[in-house]
mmCIF file of all heavy atoms, coordinates in Angstrom:
data_MODEL
# 
_entry.id   MODEL 
# 
loop_
_atom_site.group_PDB 
_atom_site.id 
_atom_site.type_symbol 
_atom_site.label_atom_id 
_atom_site.label_alt_id 
_atom_site.label_comp_id 
_atom_site.label_asym_id 
_atom_site.label_entity_id 
_atom_site.label_seq_id 
_atom_site.pdbx_PDB_ins_code 
_atom_site.Cartn_x 
_atom_site.Cartn_y 
_atom_site.Cartn_z 
_atom_site.occupancy 
_atom_site.B_iso_or_equiv 
_atom_site.pdbx_formal_charge 
_atom_site.auth_seq_id 
_atom_site.auth_comp_id 
_atom_site.auth_asym_id 
_atom_site.auth_atom_id 
_atom_site.pdbx_PDB_model_num 
ATOM 1   N N   . ARG A 1 1  ? -32.437 15.098 -6.647  1.00 0.00 ? 1  ARG A N   1 
ATOM 2   C CA  . ARG A 1 1  ? -32.661 16.535 -6.701  1.00 0.00 ? 1  ARG A CA  1 
ATOM 3   C C   . ARG A 1 1  ? -33.674 16.918 -7.705  1.00 0.00 ? 1  ARG A C   1 
ATOM 4   O O   . ARG A 1 1  ? -33.753 16.371 -8.738  1.00 0.00 ? 1  ARG A O   1 
ATOM 5   C CB  . ARG A 1 1  ? -31.291 17.231 -6.943  1.00 0.00 ? 1  ARG A CB  1 
ATOM 6   C CG  . ARG A 1 1  ? -31.359 18.775 -7.053  1.00 0.00 ? 1  ARG A CG  1 
ATOM 7   C CD  . ARG A 1 1  ? -30.007 19.351 -7.295  1.00 0.00 ? 1  ARG A CD  1 
ATOM 8   N NE  . ARG A 1 1  ? -30.163 20.796 -7.458  1.00 0.00 ? 1  ARG A NE  1 
ATOM 9   C CZ  . ARG A 1 1  ? -29.096 21.531 -7.880  1.00 0.00 ? 1  ARG A CZ  1 
ATOM 10  N NH1 . ARG A 1 1  ? -27.883 21.050 -8.050  1.00 0.00 ? 1  ARG A NH1 1 
ATOM 11  N NH2 . ARG A 1 1  ? -29.259 22.934 -7.986  1.00 0.00 ? 1  ARG A NH2 1 
ATOM 12  N N   . ARG A 1 2  ? -34.531 17.902 -7.286  1.00 0.00 ? 2  ARG A N   1 
ATOM 13  C CA  . ARG A 1 2  ? -35.524 18.427 -8.245  1.00 0.00 ? 2  ARG A CA  1 
ATOM 14  C C   . ARG A 1 2  ? -34.947 19.597 -9.082  1.00 0.00 ? 2  ARG A C   1 
ATOM 15  O O   . ARG A 1 2  ? -34.392 20.508 -8.529  1.00 0.00 ? 2  ARG A O   1 
ATOM 16  C CB  . ARG A 1 2  ? -36.699 19.003 -7.438  1.00 0.00 ? 2  ARG A CB  1 
ATOM 17  C CG  . ARG A 1 2  ? -37.739 19.778 -8.206  1.00 0.00 ? 2  ARG A CG  1 
ATOM 18  C CD  . ARG A 1 2  ? -38.571 19.009 -9.158  1.00 0.00 ? 2  ARG A CD  1 
ATOM 19  N NE  . ARG A 1 2  ? -39.748 19.738 -9.631  1.00 0.00 ? 2  ARG A NE  1 
ATOM 20  C CZ  . ARG A 1 2  ? -39.735 20.678 -10.625 1.00 0.00 ? 2  ARG A CZ  1 
ATOM 21  N NH1 . ARG A 1 2  ? -38.574 20.989 -11.244 1.00 0.00 ? 2  ARG A NH1 1 
ATOM 22  N NH2 . ARG A 1 2  ? -40.793 21.293 -10.922 1.00 0.00 ? 2  ARG A NH2 1 
ATOM 23  N N   . ILE A 1 3  ? -34.989 19.390 -10.402 1.00 0.00 ? 3  ILE A N   1 
ATOM 24  C CA  . ILE A 1 3  ? -34.498 20.437 -11.330 1.00 0.00 ? 3  ILE A CA  1 
ATOM 25  C C   . ILE A 1 3  ? -35.659 21.043 -12.107 1.00 0.00 ? 3  ILE A C   1 
ATOM 26  O O   . ILE A 1 3  ? -36.384 20.343 -12.719 1.00 0.00 ? 3  ILE A O   1 
ATOM 27  C CB  . ILE A 1 3  ? -33.490 19.728 -12.337 1.00 0.00 ? 3  ILE A CB  1 
ATOM 28  C CG1 . ILE A 1 3  ? -32.400 19.036 -11.695 1.00 0.00 ? 3  ILE A CG1 1 
ATOM 29  C CG2 . ILE A 1 3  ? -32.937 20.861 -13.303 1.00 0.00 ? 3  ILE A CG2 1 
ATOM 30  C CD1 . ILE A 1 3  ? -31.447 19.906 -10.903 1.00 0.00 ? 3  ILE A CD1 1 
ATOM 31  N N   . GLY A 1 4  ? -35.828 22.379 -12.016 1.00 0.00 ? 4  GLY A N   1 
ATOM 32  C CA  . GLY A 1 4  ? -36.948 23.063 -12.552 1.00 0.00 ? 4  GLY A CA  1 
ATOM 33  C C   . GLY A 1 4  ? -36.634 24.025 -13.661 1.00 0.00 ? 4  GLY A C   1 
ATOM 34  O O   . GLY A 1 4  ? -37.566 24.736 -14.162 1.00 0.00 ? 4  GLY A O   1 
ATOM 35  N N   . SER A 1 5  ? -35.394 24.140 -14.052 1.00 0.00 ? 5  SER A N   1 
ATOM 36  C CA  . SER A 1 5  ? -35.039 25.064 -15.170 1.00 0.00 ? 5  SER A CA  1 
ATOM 37  C C   . SER A 1 5  ? -33.771 24.699 -15.790 1.00 0.00 ? 5  SER A C   1 
ATOM 38  O O   . SER A 1 5  ? -33.025 23.786 -15.240 1.00 0.00 ? 5  SER A O   1 
ATOM 39  C CB  . SER A 1 5  ? -34.902 26.507 -14.603 1.00 0.00 ? 5  SER A CB  1 
ATOM 40  O OG  . SER A 1 5  ? -33.749 26.643 -13.753 1.00 0.00 ? 5  SER A OG  1 
ATOM 41  N N   . TYR A 1 6  ? -33.472 25.132 -16.969 1.00 0.00 ? 6  TYR A N   1 
ATOM 42  C CA  . TYR A 1 6  ? -32.221 24.832 -17.588 1.00 0.00 ? 6  TYR A CA  1 
ATOM 43  C C   . TYR A 1 6  ? -31.000 25.354 -16.865 1.00 0.00 ? 6  TYR A C   1 
ATOM 44  O O   . TYR A 1 6  ? -30.016 24.630 -16.720 1.00 0.00 ? 6  TYR A O   1 
ATOM 45  C CB  . TYR A 1 6  ? -32.220 25.513 -19.007 1.00 0.00 ? 6  TYR A CB  1 
ATOM 46  C CG  . TYR A 1 6  ? -30.961 25.175 -19.796 1.00 0.00 ? 6  TYR A CG  1 
ATOM 47  C CD1 . TYR A 1 6  ? -30.704 23.886 -20.308 1.00 0.00 ? 6  TYR A CD1 1 
ATOM 48  C CD2 . TYR A 1 6  ? -30.011 26.191 -20.126 1.00 0.00 ? 6  TYR A CD2 1 
ATOM 49  C CE1 . TYR A 1 6  ? -29.599 23.640 -20.994 1.00 0.00 ? 6  TYR A CE1 1 
ATOM 50  C CE2 . TYR A 1 6  ? -28.827 25.885 -20.834 1.00 0.00 ? 6  TYR A CE2 1 
ATOM 51  C CZ  . TYR A 1 6  ? -28.649 24.579 -21.255 1.00 0.00 ? 6  TYR A CZ  1 
ATOM 52  O OH  . TYR A 1 6  ? -27.498 24.304 -22.015 1.00 0.00 ? 6  TYR A OH  1 
ATOM 53  N N   . GLY A 1 7  ? -31.108 26.554 -16.232 1.00 0.00 ? 7  GLY A N   1 
ATOM 54  C CA  . GLY A 1 7  ? -30.033 26.981 -15.382 1.00 0.00 ? 7  GLY A CA  1 
ATOM 55  C C   . GLY A 1 7  ? -29.750 26.079 -14.217 1.00 0.00 ? 7  GLY A C   1 
ATOM 56  O O   . GLY A 1 7  ? -28.594 25.743 -13.971 1.00 0.00 ? 7  GLY A O   1 
ATOM 57  N N   . ASP A 1 8  ? -30.833 25.511 -13.608 1.00 0.00 ? 8  ASP A N   1 
ATOM 58  C CA  . ASP A 1 8  ? -30.580 24.599 -12.450 1.00 0.00 ? 8  ASP A CA  1 
ATOM 59  C C   . ASP A 1 8  ? -29.951 23.363 -13.022 1.00 0.00 ? 8  ASP A C   1 
ATOM 60  O O   . ASP A 1 8  ? -29.085 22.697 -12.358 1.00 0.00 ? 8  ASP A O   1 
ATOM 61  C CB  . ASP A 1 8  ? -31.933 24.164 -11.836 1.00 0.00 ? 8  ASP A CB  1 
ATOM 62  C CG  . ASP A 1 8  ? -32.536 25.392 -10.996 1.00 0.00 ? 8  ASP A CG  1 
ATOM 63  O OD1 . ASP A 1 8  ? -31.827 26.380 -10.794 1.00 0.00 ? 8  ASP A OD1 1 
ATOM 64  O OD2 . ASP A 1 8  ? -33.708 25.356 -10.824 1.00 0.00 ? 8  ASP A OD2 1 
ATOM 65  N N   . LEU A 1 9  ? -30.397 22.846 -14.269 1.00 0.00 ? 9  LEU A N   1 
ATOM 66  C CA  . LEU A 1 9  ? -29.782 21.647 -14.769 1.00 0.00 ? 9  LEU A CA  1 
ATOM 67  C C   . LEU A 1 9  ? -28.250 21.806 -15.126 1.00 0.00 ? 9  LEU A C   1 
ATOM 68  O O   . LEU A 1 9  ? -27.447 20.931 -14.739 1.00 0.00 ? 9  LEU A O   1 
ATOM 69  C CB  . LEU A 1 9  ? -30.437 21.237 -16.122 1.00 0.00 ? 9  LEU A CB  1 
ATOM 70  C CG  . LEU A 1 9  ? -29.969 20.125 -16.837 1.00 0.00 ? 9  LEU A CG  1 
ATOM 71  C CD1 . LEU A 1 9  ? -30.121 18.785 -15.992 1.00 0.00 ? 9  LEU A CD1 1 
ATOM 72  C CD2 . LEU A 1 9  ? -30.692 19.875 -18.169 1.00 0.00 ? 9  LEU A CD2 1 
ATOM 73  N N   . VAL A 1 10 ? -27.891 23.011 -15.697 1.00 0.00 ? 10 VAL A N   1 
ATOM 74  C CA  . VAL A 1 10 ? -26.552 23.242 -15.940 1.00 0.00 ? 10 VAL A CA  1 
ATOM 75  C C   . VAL A 1 10 ? -25.710 23.299 -14.612 1.00 0.00 ? 10 VAL A C   1 
ATOM 76  O O   . VAL A 1 10 ? -24.590 22.693 -14.525 1.00 0.00 ? 10 VAL A O   1 
ATOM 77  C CB  . VAL A 1 10 ? -26.330 24.619 -16.636 1.00 0.00 ? 10 VAL A CB  1 
ATOM 78  C CG1 . VAL A 1 10 ? -24.840 24.999 -16.771 1.00 0.00 ? 10 VAL A CG1 1 
ATOM 79  C CG2 . VAL A 1 10 ? -26.950 24.485 -18.063 1.00 0.00 ? 10 VAL A CG2 1 
ATOM 80  N N   . ASP A 1 11 ? -26.219 23.890 -13.573 1.00 0.00 ? 11 ASP A N   1 
ATOM 81  C CA  . ASP A 1 11 ? -25.534 23.987 -12.299 1.00 0.00 ? 11 ASP A CA  1 
ATOM 82  C C   . ASP A 1 11 ? -25.320 22.632 -11.735 1.00 0.00 ? 11 ASP A C   1 
ATOM 83  O O   . ASP A 1 11 ? -24.248 22.338 -11.209 1.00 0.00 ? 11 ASP A O   1 
ATOM 84  C CB  . ASP A 1 11 ? -26.291 24.891 -11.346 1.00 0.00 ? 11 ASP A CB  1 
ATOM 85  C CG  . ASP A 1 11 ? -26.238 26.361 -11.706 1.00 0.00 ? 11 ASP A CG  1 
ATOM 86  O OD1 . ASP A 1 11 ? -25.357 26.742 -12.486 1.00 0.00 ? 11 ASP A OD1 1 
ATOM 87  O OD2 . ASP A 1 11 ? -27.162 27.106 -11.285 1.00 0.00 ? 11 ASP A OD2 1 
ATOM 88  N N   . HIS A 1 12 ? -26.364 21.787 -11.804 1.00 0.00 ? 12 HIS A N   1 
ATOM 89  C CA  . HIS A 1 12 ? -26.197 20.432 -11.272 1.00 0.00 ? 12 HIS A CA  1 
ATOM 90  C C   . HIS A 1 12 ? -25.135 19.567 -11.992 1.00 0.00 ? 12 HIS A C   1 
ATOM 91  O O   . HIS A 1 12 ? -24.339 18.846 -11.402 1.00 0.00 ? 12 HIS A O   1 
ATOM 92  C CB  . HIS A 1 12 ? -27.610 19.742 -11.320 1.00 0.00 ? 12 HIS A CB  1 
ATOM 93  C CG  . HIS A 1 12 ? -27.593 18.318 -10.775 1.00 0.00 ? 12 HIS A CG  1 
ATOM 94  N ND1 . HIS A 1 12 ? -27.388 18.065 -9.419  1.00 0.00 ? 12 HIS A ND1 1 
ATOM 95  C CD2 . HIS A 1 12 ? -27.726 17.138 -11.337 1.00 0.00 ? 12 HIS A CD2 1 
ATOM 96  C CE1 . HIS A 1 12 ? -27.422 16.703 -9.293  1.00 0.00 ? 12 HIS A CE1 1 
ATOM 97  N NE2 . HIS A 1 12 ? -27.584 16.158 -10.363 1.00 0.00 ? 12 HIS A NE2 1 
ATOM 98  N N   . VAL A 1 13 ? -25.232 19.683 -13.361 1.00 0.00 ? 13 VAL A N   1 
ATOM 99  C CA  . VAL A 1 13 ? -24.226 18.929 -14.134 1.00 0.00 ? 13 VAL A CA  1 
ATOM 100 C C   . VAL A 1 13 ? -22.880 19.352 -13.767 1.00 0.00 ? 13 VAL A C   1 
ATOM 101 O O   . VAL A 1 13 ? -21.907 18.542 -13.646 1.00 0.00 ? 13 VAL A O   1 
ATOM 102 C CB  . VAL A 1 13 ? -24.567 19.120 -15.648 1.00 0.00 ? 13 VAL A CB  1 
ATOM 103 C CG1 . VAL A 1 13 ? -23.399 18.430 -16.483 1.00 0.00 ? 13 VAL A CG1 1 
ATOM 104 C CG2 . VAL A 1 13 ? -25.936 18.465 -15.954 1.00 0.00 ? 13 VAL A CG2 1 
ATOM 105 N N   . VAL A 1 14 ? -22.612 20.667 -13.673 1.00 0.00 ? 14 VAL A N   1 
ATOM 106 C CA  . VAL A 1 14 ? -21.312 21.168 -13.408 1.00 0.00 ? 14 VAL A CA  1 
ATOM 107 C C   . VAL A 1 14 ? -20.826 20.721 -12.024 1.00 0.00 ? 14 VAL A C   1 
ATOM 108 O O   . VAL A 1 14 ? -19.699 20.316 -11.788 1.00 0.00 ? 14 VAL A O   1 
ATOM 109 C CB  . VAL A 1 14 ? -21.237 22.705 -13.513 1.00 0.00 ? 14 VAL A CB  1 
ATOM 110 C CG1 . VAL A 1 14 ? -19.851 23.259 -13.040 1.00 0.00 ? 14 VAL A CG1 1 
ATOM 111 C CG2 . VAL A 1 14 ? -21.467 23.158 -15.046 1.00 0.00 ? 14 VAL A CG2 1 
ATOM 112 N N   . ASP A 1 15 ? -21.735 20.801 -11.083 1.00 0.00 ? 15 ASP A N   1 
ATOM 113 C CA  . ASP A 1 15 ? -21.315 20.287 -9.734  1.00 0.00 ? 15 ASP A CA  1 
ATOM 114 C C   . ASP A 1 15 ? -21.028 18.780 -9.664  1.00 0.00 ? 15 ASP A C   1 
ATOM 115 O O   . ASP A 1 15 ? -20.035 18.518 -8.984  1.00 0.00 ? 15 ASP A O   1 
ATOM 116 C CB  . ASP A 1 15 ? -22.643 20.532 -8.782  1.00 0.00 ? 15 ASP A CB  1 
ATOM 117 C CG  . ASP A 1 15 ? -22.915 22.028 -8.530  1.00 0.00 ? 15 ASP A CG  1 
ATOM 118 O OD1 . ASP A 1 15 ? -21.928 22.794 -8.748  1.00 0.00 ? 15 ASP A OD1 1 
ATOM 119 O OD2 . ASP A 1 15 ? -23.987 22.306 -8.030  1.00 0.00 ? 15 ASP A OD2 1 
ATOM 120 N N   . GLN A 1 16 ? -21.750 18.081 -10.397 1.00 0.00 ? 16 GLN A N   1 
ATOM 121 C CA  . GLN A 1 16 ? -21.433 16.617 -10.422 1.00 0.00 ? 16 GLN A CA  1 
ATOM 122 C C   . GLN A 1 16 ? -20.176 16.265 -11.116 1.00 0.00 ? 16 GLN A C   1 
ATOM 123 O O   . GLN A 1 16 ? -19.396 15.367 -10.687 1.00 0.00 ? 16 GLN A O   1 
ATOM 124 C CB  . GLN A 1 16 ? -22.609 15.834 -11.062 1.00 0.00 ? 16 GLN A CB  1 
ATOM 125 C CG  . GLN A 1 16 ? -23.954 15.909 -10.406 1.00 0.00 ? 16 GLN A CG  1 
ATOM 126 C CD  . GLN A 1 16 ? -23.876 15.409 -8.898  1.00 0.00 ? 16 GLN A CD  1 
ATOM 127 O OE1 . GLN A 1 16 ? -23.551 14.316 -8.715  1.00 0.00 ? 16 GLN A OE1 1 
ATOM 128 N NE2 . GLN A 1 16 ? -24.189 16.263 -7.979  1.00 0.00 ? 16 GLN A NE2 1 
ATOM 129 N N   . LEU A 1 17 ? -19.835 17.056 -12.143 1.00 0.00 ? 17 LEU A N   1 
ATOM 130 C CA  . LEU A 1 17 ? -18.552 16.827 -12.843 1.00 0.00 ? 17 LEU A CA  1 
ATOM 131 C C   . LEU A 1 17 ? -17.400 17.342 -12.003 1.00 0.00 ? 17 LEU A C   1 
ATOM 132 O O   . LEU A 1 17 ? -16.248 16.855 -12.146 1.00 0.00 ? 17 LEU A O   1 
ATOM 133 C CB  . LEU A 1 17 ? -18.591 17.563 -14.127 1.00 0.00 ? 17 LEU A CB  1 
ATOM 134 C CG  . LEU A 1 17 ? -19.498 16.966 -15.222 1.00 0.00 ? 17 LEU A CG  1 
ATOM 135 C CD1 . LEU A 1 17 ? -19.493 17.859 -16.451 1.00 0.00 ? 17 LEU A CD1 1 
ATOM 136 C CD2 . LEU A 1 17 ? -19.059 15.554 -15.662 1.00 0.00 ? 17 LEU A CD2 1 
ATOM 137 N N   . GLY A 1 18 ? -17.693 18.327 -11.111 1.00 0.00 ? 18 GLY A N   1 
ATOM 138 C CA  . GLY A 1 18 ? -16.543 18.871 -10.279 1.00 0.00 ? 18 GLY A CA  1 
ATOM 139 C C   . GLY A 1 18 ? -16.357 18.038 -9.066  1.00 0.00 ? 18 GLY A C   1 
ATOM 140 O O   . GLY A 1 18 ? -15.315 18.121 -8.344  1.00 0.00 ? 18 GLY A O   1 
ATOM 141 N N   . ASP A 1 19 ? -17.178 17.114 -8.759  1.00 0.00 ? 19 ASP A N   1 
ATOM 142 C CA  . ASP A 1 19 ? -17.040 16.253 -7.594  1.00 0.00 ? 19 ASP A CA  1 
ATOM 143 C C   . ASP A 1 19 ? -16.388 14.898 -8.004  1.00 0.00 ? 19 ASP A C   1 
ATOM 144 O O   . ASP A 1 19 ? -16.774 14.215 -8.861  1.00 0.00 ? 19 ASP A O   1 
ATOM 145 C CB  . ASP A 1 19 ? -18.462 15.934 -7.024  1.00 0.00 ? 19 ASP A CB  1 
ATOM 146 C CG  . ASP A 1 19 ? -18.421 15.227 -5.638  1.00 0.00 ? 19 ASP A CG  1 
ATOM 147 O OD1 . ASP A 1 19 ? -17.444 14.481 -5.358  1.00 0.00 ? 19 ASP A OD1 1 
ATOM 148 O OD2 . ASP A 1 19 ? -19.340 15.371 -4.883  1.00 0.00 ? 19 ASP A OD2 1 
ATOM 149 N N   . GLU A 1 20 ? -15.236 14.630 -7.293  1.00 0.00 ? 20 GLU A N   1 
ATOM 150 C CA  . GLU A 1 20 ? -14.475 13.491 -7.686  1.00 0.00 ? 20 GLU A CA  1 
ATOM 151 C C   . GLU A 1 20 ? -15.238 12.172 -7.496  1.00 0.00 ? 20 GLU A C   1 
ATOM 152 O O   . GLU A 1 20 ? -15.023 11.202 -8.189  1.00 0.00 ? 20 GLU A O   1 
ATOM 153 C CB  . GLU A 1 20 ? -13.206 13.354 -6.786  1.00 0.00 ? 20 GLU A CB  1 
ATOM 154 C CG  . GLU A 1 20 ? -12.243 14.525 -7.149  1.00 0.00 ? 20 GLU A CG  1 
ATOM 155 C CD  . GLU A 1 20 ? -10.929 14.376 -6.359  1.00 0.00 ? 20 GLU A CD  1 
ATOM 156 O OE1 . GLU A 1 20 ? -10.801 13.417 -5.569  1.00 0.00 ? 20 GLU A OE1 1 
ATOM 157 O OE2 . GLU A 1 20 ? -9.990  15.260 -6.471  1.00 0.00 ? 20 GLU A OE2 1 
ATOM 158 N N   . GLU A 1 21 ? -16.212 12.149 -6.564  1.00 0.00 ? 21 GLU A N   1 
ATOM 159 C CA  . GLU A 1 21 ? -16.970 10.954 -6.337  1.00 0.00 ? 21 GLU A CA  1 
ATOM 160 C C   . GLU A 1 21 ? -18.017 10.675 -7.427  1.00 0.00 ? 21 GLU A C   1 
ATOM 161 O O   . GLU A 1 21 ? -18.378 9.539  -7.621  1.00 0.00 ? 21 GLU A O   1 
ATOM 162 C CB  . GLU A 1 21 ? -17.622 11.050 -4.920  1.00 0.00 ? 21 GLU A CB  1 
ATOM 163 C CG  . GLU A 1 21 ? -16.710 11.115 -3.780  1.00 0.00 ? 21 GLU A CG  1 
ATOM 164 C CD  . GLU A 1 21 ? -17.464 11.207 -2.428  1.00 0.00 ? 21 GLU A CD  1 
ATOM 165 O OE1 . GLU A 1 21 ? -18.681 11.112 -2.488  1.00 0.00 ? 21 GLU A OE1 1 
ATOM 166 O OE2 . GLU A 1 21 ? -16.827 11.195 -1.378  1.00 0.00 ? 21 GLU A OE2 1 
ATOM 167 N N   . THR A 1 22 ? -18.487 11.670 -8.025  1.00 0.00 ? 22 THR A N   1 
ATOM 168 C CA  . THR A 1 22 ? -19.494 11.465 -9.074  1.00 0.00 ? 22 THR A CA  1 
ATOM 169 C C   . THR A 1 22 ? -19.132 11.673 -10.537 1.00 0.00 ? 22 THR A C   1 
ATOM 170 O O   . THR A 1 22 ? -19.750 11.359 -11.446 1.00 0.00 ? 22 THR A O   1 
ATOM 171 C CB  . THR A 1 22 ? -20.728 12.416 -8.826  1.00 0.00 ? 22 THR A CB  1 
ATOM 172 O OG1 . THR A 1 22 ? -20.246 13.776 -8.839  1.00 0.00 ? 22 THR A OG1 1 
ATOM 173 C CG2 . THR A 1 22 ? -21.385 12.142 -7.440  1.00 0.00 ? 22 THR A CG2 1 
ATOM 174 N N   . ARG A 1 23 ? -17.874 12.263 -10.660 1.00 0.00 ? 23 ARG A N   1 
ATOM 175 C CA  . ARG A 1 23 ? -17.373 12.574 -11.978 1.00 0.00 ? 23 ARG A CA  1 
ATOM 176 C C   . ARG A 1 23 ? -17.307 11.391 -12.882 1.00 0.00 ? 23 ARG A C   1 
ATOM 177 O O   . ARG A 1 23 ? -17.748 11.508 -14.122 1.00 0.00 ? 23 ARG A O   1 
ATOM 178 C CB  . ARG A 1 23 ? -15.946 13.222 -11.879 1.00 0.00 ? 23 ARG A CB  1 
ATOM 179 C CG  . ARG A 1 23 ? -15.419 13.698 -13.277 1.00 0.00 ? 23 ARG A CG  1 
ATOM 180 C CD  . ARG A 1 23 ? -14.050 14.277 -13.188 1.00 0.00 ? 23 ARG A CD  1 
ATOM 181 N NE  . ARG A 1 23 ? -13.994 15.245 -12.091 1.00 0.00 ? 23 ARG A NE  1 
ATOM 182 C CZ  . ARG A 1 23 ? -13.011 15.311 -11.218 1.00 0.00 ? 23 ARG A CZ  1 
ATOM 183 N NH1 . ARG A 1 23 ? -11.974 14.414 -11.130 1.00 0.00 ? 23 ARG A NH1 1 
ATOM 184 N NH2 . ARG A 1 23 ? -13.012 16.249 -10.257 1.00 0.00 ? 23 ARG A NH2 1 
ATOM 185 N N   . SER A 1 24 ? -16.754 10.317 -12.525 1.00 0.00 ? 24 SER A N   1 
ATOM 186 C CA  . SER A 1 24 ? -16.657 9.141  -13.344 1.00 0.00 ? 24 SER A CA  1 
ATOM 187 C C   . SER A 1 24 ? -18.035 8.606  -13.870 1.00 0.00 ? 24 SER A C   1 
ATOM 188 O O   . SER A 1 24 ? -18.174 8.027  -14.934 1.00 0.00 ? 24 SER A O   1 
ATOM 189 C CB  . SER A 1 24 ? -15.783 8.044  -12.611 1.00 0.00 ? 24 SER A CB  1 
ATOM 190 O OG  . SER A 1 24 ? -16.492 7.613  -11.445 1.00 0.00 ? 24 SER A OG  1 
ATOM 191 N N   . ALA A 1 25 ? -19.029 8.635  -12.935 1.00 0.00 ? 25 ALA A N   1 
ATOM 192 C CA  . ALA A 1 25 ? -20.280 8.148  -13.298 1.00 0.00 ? 25 ALA A CA  1 
ATOM 193 C C   . ALA A 1 25 ? -20.959 9.037  -14.408 1.00 0.00 ? 25 ALA A C   1 
ATOM 194 O O   . ALA A 1 25 ? -21.673 8.523  -15.304 1.00 0.00 ? 25 ALA A O   1 
ATOM 195 C CB  . ALA A 1 25 ? -21.305 8.156  -12.156 1.00 0.00 ? 25 ALA A CB  1 
ATOM 196 N N   . TRP A 1 26 ? -20.652 10.317 -14.446 1.00 0.00 ? 26 TRP A N   1 
ATOM 197 C CA  . TRP A 1 26 ? -21.241 11.263 -15.391 1.00 0.00 ? 26 TRP A CA  1 
ATOM 198 C C   . TRP A 1 26 ? -20.287 11.319 -16.729 1.00 0.00 ? 26 TRP A C   1 
ATOM 199 O O   . TRP A 1 26 ? -20.935 11.360 -17.792 1.00 0.00 ? 26 TRP A O   1 
ATOM 200 C CB  . TRP A 1 26 ? -21.288 12.575 -14.809 1.00 0.00 ? 26 TRP A CB  1 
ATOM 201 C CG  . TRP A 1 26 ? -22.429 12.855 -13.984 1.00 0.00 ? 26 TRP A CG  1 
ATOM 202 C CD1 . TRP A 1 26 ? -22.602 12.448 -12.670 1.00 0.00 ? 26 TRP A CD1 1 
ATOM 203 C CD2 . TRP A 1 26 ? -23.608 13.556 -14.330 1.00 0.00 ? 26 TRP A CD2 1 
ATOM 204 N NE1 . TRP A 1 26 ? -23.828 12.767 -12.215 1.00 0.00 ? 26 TRP A NE1 1 
ATOM 205 C CE2 . TRP A 1 26 ? -24.553 13.443 -13.204 1.00 0.00 ? 26 TRP A CE2 1 
ATOM 206 C CE3 . TRP A 1 26 ? -24.127 14.161 -15.392 1.00 0.00 ? 26 TRP A CE3 1 
ATOM 207 C CZ2 . TRP A 1 26 ? -25.763 14.052 -13.197 1.00 0.00 ? 26 TRP A CZ2 1 
ATOM 208 C CZ3 . TRP A 1 26 ? -25.336 14.706 -15.507 1.00 0.00 ? 26 TRP A CZ3 1 
ATOM 209 C CH2 . TRP A 1 26 ? -26.206 14.694 -14.345 1.00 0.00 ? 26 TRP A CH2 1 
ATOM 210 N N   . ALA A 1 27 ? -18.999 11.295 -16.582 1.00 0.00 ? 27 ALA A N   1 
ATOM 211 C CA  . ALA A 1 27 ? -18.163 11.519 -17.717 1.00 0.00 ? 27 ALA A CA  1 
ATOM 212 C C   . ALA A 1 27 ? -17.246 10.375 -18.126 1.00 0.00 ? 27 ALA A C   1 
ATOM 213 O O   . ALA A 1 27 ? -16.542 10.402 -19.161 1.00 0.00 ? 27 ALA A O   1 
ATOM 214 C CB  . ALA A 1 27 ? -17.337 12.718 -17.487 1.00 0.00 ? 27 ALA A CB  1 
ATOM 215 N N   . GLY A 1 28 ? -17.162 9.369  -17.216 1.00 0.00 ? 28 GLY A N   1 
ATOM 216 C CA  . GLY A 1 28 ? -16.310 8.227  -17.523 1.00 0.00 ? 28 GLY A CA  1 
ATOM 217 C C   . GLY A 1 28 ? -14.981 8.429  -16.819 1.00 0.00 ? 28 GLY A C   1 
ATOM 218 O O   . GLY A 1 28 ? -14.605 9.580  -16.475 1.00 0.00 ? 28 GLY A O   1 
ATOM 219 N N   . SER A 1 29 ? -14.202 7.435  -16.589 1.00 0.00 ? 29 SER A N   1 
ATOM 220 C CA  . SER A 1 29 ? -12.984 7.457  -15.796 1.00 0.00 ? 29 SER A CA  1 
ATOM 221 C C   . SER A 1 29 ? -11.779 7.896  -16.611 1.00 0.00 ? 29 SER A C   1 
ATOM 222 O O   . SER A 1 29 ? -10.720 8.229  -16.030 1.00 0.00 ? 29 SER A O   1 
ATOM 223 C CB  . SER A 1 29 ? -12.771 6.104  -15.153 1.00 0.00 ? 29 SER A CB  1 
ATOM 224 O OG  . SER A 1 29 ? -12.648 5.101  -16.183 1.00 0.00 ? 29 SER A OG  1 
ATOM 225 N N   . ALA A 1 30 ? -11.856 7.818  -17.940 1.00 0.00 ? 30 ALA A N   1 
ATOM 226 C CA  . ALA A 1 30 ? -10.678 8.099  -18.787 1.00 0.00 ? 30 ALA A CA  1 
ATOM 227 C C   . ALA A 1 30 ? -10.589 9.557  -19.203 1.00 0.00 ? 30 ALA A C   1 
ATOM 228 O O   . ALA A 1 30 ? -9.648  9.938  -19.850 1.00 0.00 ? 30 ALA A O   1 
ATOM 229 C CB  . ALA A 1 30 ? -10.730 7.238  -20.002 1.00 0.00 ? 30 ALA A CB  1 
# 
């Protein structure tokens, strides 16, 4: 995904943390 602003970056990080499939890769499984 192309990120062009801080707001877009925040939204992407929050989306990835909210997704069960990608959460552990971003934040760890524990």
